[in-house]
Amino acid sequence: MAKRSTFQQKAIKNFYDNREAIALQRAQELVTELYLTEGKKRQQHWKTLTTHLLALGEKQEKIDQLIATDNPEMVANLLKNHIK
């Protein structure tokens, strides 16, 4: 494997340092998408949102409850707790 340049090393470090902020921002964007979509696209947004909520440290049981209710407002309220 080739050595990484200094720029690449810094970019990777910054990504991992800001992973929680990135997951939070993407989760907020997906809540908006959930309000606007329906059908298969909505199911895909829930699947992607699950990944980001897990990255934020939410438990799978809580995420499953949110998916079962299919209510983006509940997710938005949950994300308010993660905003610093």
N, C-alpha and C. Protein backbone atom coordinates (compact mmCIF):
# COMPACT_ATOMS: atom_id res chain seq x y z
N MET A 1 0.84 -1.17 0.00
CA MET A 1 0.00 0.00 0.00
C MET A 1 0.89 1.24 0.00
N ALA A 2 0.55 2.21 -0.81
CA ALA A 2 1.33 3.42 -0.93
C ALA A 2 1.18 4.28 0.32
N LYS A 3 2.23 5.05 0.61
CA LYS A 3 2.17 5.97 1.74
C LYS A 3 1.21 7.11 1.42
N ARG A 4 0.55 7.57 2.45
CA ARG A 4 -0.37 8.70 2.27
C ARG A 4 0.40 10.00 2.41
N SER A 5 -0.02 10.98 1.63
CA SER A 5 0.60 12.29 1.73
C SER A 5 0.15 12.97 3.02
N THR A 6 0.82 14.05 3.36
CA THR A 6 0.45 14.81 4.56
C THR A 6 -0.97 15.32 4.44
N PHE A 7 -1.33 15.80 3.25
CA PHE A 7 -2.69 16.30 3.02
C PHE A 7 -3.72 15.19 3.25
N GLN A 8 -3.46 14.01 2.72
CA GLN A 8 -4.38 12.89 2.89
C GLN A 8 -4.51 12.50 4.36
N GLN A 9 -3.38 12.49 5.07
CA GLN A 9 -3.42 12.15 6.49
C GLN A 9 -4.25 13.15 7.28
N LYS A 10 -4.10 14.44 6.98
CA LYS A 10 -4.88 15.47 7.66
C LYS A 10 -6.36 15.36 7.32
N ALA A 11 -6.67 15.06 6.06
CA ALA A 11 -8.07 14.93 5.65
C ALA A 11 -8.74 13.76 6.37
N ILE A 12 -8.04 12.66 6.47
CA ILE A 12 -8.57 11.49 7.17
C ILE A 12 -8.74 11.78 8.65
N LYS A 13 -7.77 12.44 9.27
CA LYS A 13 -7.86 12.79 10.68
C LYS A 13 -9.03 13.73 10.92
N ASN A 14 -9.19 14.73 10.08
CA ASN A 14 -10.31 15.67 10.24
C ASN A 14 -11.65 14.98 10.10
N PHE A 15 -11.74 14.02 9.18
CA PHE A 15 -13.00 13.28 9.02
C PHE A 15 -13.35 12.56 10.32
N TYR A 16 -12.39 11.84 10.88
CA TYR A 16 -12.68 11.07 12.09
C TYR A 16 -12.89 11.97 13.30
N ASP A 17 -12.22 13.13 13.33
CA ASP A 17 -12.43 14.07 14.42
C ASP A 17 -13.84 14.67 14.37
N ASN A 18 -14.38 14.82 13.18
CA ASN A 18 -15.69 15.46 13.00
C ASN A 18 -16.79 14.49 12.61
N ARG A 19 -16.57 13.21 12.82
CA ARG A 19 -17.53 12.20 12.38
C ARG A 19 -18.91 12.41 13.01
N GLU A 20 -18.95 12.77 14.29
CA GLU A 20 -20.24 12.96 14.95
C GLU A 20 -20.99 14.16 14.36
N ALA A 21 -20.28 15.24 14.10
CA ALA A 21 -20.91 16.43 13.51
C ALA A 21 -21.42 16.14 12.10
N ILE A 22 -20.66 15.36 11.36
CA ILE A 22 -21.07 14.99 10.01
C ILE A 22 -22.33 14.13 10.06
N ALA A 23 -22.35 13.16 10.98
CA ALA A 23 -23.52 12.28 11.11
C ALA A 23 -24.75 13.07 11.53
N LEU A 24 -24.58 14.04 12.42
CA LEU A 24 -25.69 14.86 12.88
C LEU A 24 -26.25 15.70 11.73
N GLN A 25 -25.38 16.32 10.98
CA GLN A 25 -25.84 17.15 9.86
C GLN A 25 -26.58 16.31 8.83
N ARG A 26 -26.04 15.15 8.50
CA ARG A 26 -26.68 14.29 7.50
C ARG A 26 -28.02 13.78 8.01
N ALA A 27 -28.08 13.45 9.31
CA ALA A 27 -29.34 12.99 9.89
C ALA A 27 -30.40 14.08 9.82
N GLN A 28 -30.00 15.33 10.07
CA GLN A 28 -30.94 16.44 9.98
C GLN A 28 -31.44 16.60 8.54
N GLU A 29 -30.57 16.44 7.57
CA GLU A 29 -30.97 16.53 6.17
C GLU A 29 -31.96 15.41 5.82
N LEU A 30 -31.72 14.23 6.37
CA LEU A 30 -32.60 13.10 6.08
C LEU A 30 -33.98 13.27 6.71
N VAL A 31 -34.05 13.94 7.85
CA VAL A 31 -35.37 14.22 8.45
C VAL A 31 -36.18 15.08 7.48
N THR A 32 -35.54 16.06 6.90
CA THR A 32 -36.22 16.90 5.90
C THR A 32 -36.71 16.05 4.74
N GLU A 33 -35.86 15.16 4.27
CA GLU A 33 -36.24 14.29 3.15
C GLU A 33 -37.41 13.38 3.53
N LEU A 34 -37.44 12.92 4.78
CA LEU A 34 -38.55 12.07 5.22
C LEU A 34 -39.89 12.81 5.15
N TYR A 35 -39.87 14.09 5.48
CA TYR A 35 -41.10 14.89 5.39
C TYR A 35 -41.59 15.00 3.95
N LEU A 36 -40.67 14.96 3.00
CA LEU A 36 -41.02 15.24 1.60
C LEU A 36 -41.23 14.01 0.73
N THR A 37 -40.83 12.84 1.19
CA THR A 37 -40.90 11.66 0.34
C THR A 37 -41.89 10.64 0.87
N GLU A 38 -42.18 9.68 0.02
CA GLU A 38 -43.03 8.55 0.41
C GLU A 38 -42.65 7.35 -0.43
N GLY A 39 -43.14 6.19 -0.04
CA GLY A 39 -42.88 4.97 -0.79
C GLY A 39 -41.48 4.42 -0.59
N LYS A 40 -40.92 3.88 -1.67
CA LYS A 40 -39.62 3.23 -1.59
C LYS A 40 -38.50 4.20 -1.22
N LYS A 41 -38.59 5.40 -1.72
CA LYS A 41 -37.56 6.40 -1.41
C LYS A 41 -37.55 6.70 0.09
N ARG A 42 -38.72 6.75 0.69
CA ARG A 42 -38.82 7.01 2.14
C ARG A 42 -38.18 5.87 2.92
N GLN A 43 -38.40 4.64 2.47
CA GLN A 43 -37.80 3.49 3.14
C GLN A 43 -36.27 3.56 3.05
N GLN A 44 -35.76 3.99 1.91
CA GLN A 44 -34.31 4.13 1.74
C GLN A 44 -33.76 5.21 2.67
N HIS A 45 -34.50 6.30 2.83
CA HIS A 45 -34.06 7.37 3.74
C HIS A 45 -34.01 6.86 5.18
N TRP A 46 -34.99 6.05 5.57
CA TRP A 46 -34.97 5.48 6.92
C TRP A 46 -33.74 4.59 7.11
N LYS A 47 -33.41 3.82 6.09
CA LYS A 47 -32.25 2.92 6.17
C LYS A 47 -30.96 3.73 6.34
N THR A 48 -30.82 4.79 5.57
CA THR A 48 -29.64 5.64 5.66
C THR A 48 -29.61 6.37 7.00
N LEU A 49 -30.76 6.82 7.45
CA LEU A 49 -30.85 7.52 8.73
C LEU A 49 -30.44 6.60 9.87
N THR A 50 -30.77 5.34 9.78
CA THR A 50 -30.37 4.37 10.80
C THR A 50 -28.86 4.35 10.97
N THR A 51 -28.14 4.36 9.87
CA THR A 51 -26.68 4.35 9.91
C THR A 51 -26.15 5.57 10.66
N HIS A 52 -26.71 6.73 10.37
CA HIS A 52 -26.23 7.96 11.00
C HIS A 52 -26.63 8.03 12.47
N LEU A 53 -27.80 7.53 12.81
CA LEU A 53 -28.20 7.53 14.21
C LEU A 53 -27.33 6.59 15.03
N LEU A 54 -26.94 5.48 14.44
CA LEU A 54 -26.02 4.56 15.14
C LEU A 54 -24.67 5.24 15.35
N ALA A 55 -24.22 6.02 14.37
CA ALA A 55 -22.95 6.75 14.50
C ALA A 55 -23.03 7.80 15.61
N LEU A 56 -24.24 8.29 15.87
CA LEU A 56 -24.43 9.27 16.94
C LEU A 56 -24.56 8.61 18.31
N GLY A 57 -24.60 7.29 18.33
CA GLY A 57 -24.65 6.57 19.59
C GLY A 57 -26.04 6.15 20.06
N GLU A 58 -27.02 6.26 19.18
CA GLU A 58 -28.37 5.82 19.55
C GLU A 58 -28.45 4.30 19.53
N LYS A 59 -29.28 3.76 20.38
CA LYS A 59 -29.44 2.30 20.45
C LYS A 59 -30.37 1.81 19.34
N GLN A 60 -30.10 0.61 18.87
CA GLN A 60 -30.88 0.03 17.78
C GLN A 60 -32.36 -0.09 18.14
N GLU A 61 -32.66 -0.39 19.41
CA GLU A 61 -34.05 -0.53 19.84
C GLU A 61 -34.81 0.79 19.66
N LYS A 62 -34.17 1.90 20.03
CA LYS A 62 -34.78 3.21 19.88
C LYS A 62 -35.01 3.53 18.40
N ILE A 63 -34.04 3.20 17.58
CA ILE A 63 -34.16 3.45 16.14
C ILE A 63 -35.29 2.63 15.55
N ASP A 64 -35.40 1.38 15.98
CA ASP A 64 -36.49 0.52 15.50
C ASP A 64 -37.85 1.09 15.87
N GLN A 65 -37.96 1.67 17.06
CA GLN A 65 -39.22 2.30 17.48
C GLN A 65 -39.55 3.49 16.58
N LEU A 66 -38.54 4.29 16.26
CA LEU A 66 -38.75 5.44 15.39
C LEU A 66 -39.21 5.01 14.00
N ILE A 67 -38.60 3.96 13.49
CA ILE A 67 -38.98 3.46 12.16
C ILE A 67 -40.40 2.92 12.19
N ALA A 68 -40.76 2.23 13.27
CA ALA A 68 -42.10 1.67 13.38
C ALA A 68 -43.17 2.77 13.40
N THR A 69 -42.87 3.90 14.05
CA THR A 69 -43.84 4.98 14.09
C THR A 69 -43.87 5.77 12.79
N ASP A 70 -42.75 5.73 12.05
CA ASP A 70 -42.64 6.43 10.75
C ASP A 70 -42.99 7.91 10.90
N ASN A 71 -42.46 8.52 11.97
CA ASN A 71 -42.75 9.92 12.27
C ASN A 71 -41.45 10.72 12.29
N PRO A 72 -41.19 11.53 11.27
CA PRO A 72 -39.96 12.32 11.23
C PRO A 72 -39.85 13.33 12.36
N GLU A 73 -40.98 13.78 12.89
CA GLU A 73 -40.96 14.75 13.98
C GLU A 73 -40.29 14.17 15.22
N MET A 74 -40.51 12.90 15.48
CA MET A 74 -39.88 12.25 16.62
C MET A 74 -38.37 12.19 16.44
N VAL A 75 -37.93 11.96 15.22
CA VAL A 75 -36.49 11.93 14.93
C VAL A 75 -35.91 13.33 15.13
N ALA A 76 -36.62 14.34 14.66
CA ALA A 76 -36.16 15.72 14.82
C ALA A 76 -36.00 16.06 16.29
N ASN A 77 -36.95 15.66 17.12
CA ASN A 77 -36.85 15.90 18.55
C ASN A 77 -35.67 15.16 19.17
N LEU A 78 -35.41 13.96 18.70
CA LEU A 78 -34.27 13.19 19.19
C LEU A 78 -32.96 13.88 18.81
N LEU A 79 -32.90 14.42 17.61
CA LEU A 79 -31.67 15.08 17.16
C LEU A 79 -31.41 16.38 17.91
N LYS A 80 -32.44 17.00 18.45
CA LYS A 80 -32.25 18.21 19.25
C LYS A 80 -31.34 17.94 20.45
N ASN A 81 -31.41 16.72 20.99
CA ASN A 81 -30.60 16.35 22.14
C ASN A 81 -29.12 16.26 21.78
N HIS A 82 -28.80 16.06 20.52
CA HIS A 82 -27.41 15.89 20.09
C HIS A 82 -26.76 17.22 19.70
N ILE A 83 -27.54 18.27 19.58
CA ILE A 83 -26.99 19.56 19.20
C ILE A 83 -26.33 20.17 20.44
N LYS A 84 -25.10 20.58 20.25
CA LYS A 84 -24.33 21.12 21.39
C LYS A 84 -24.38 22.62 21.40
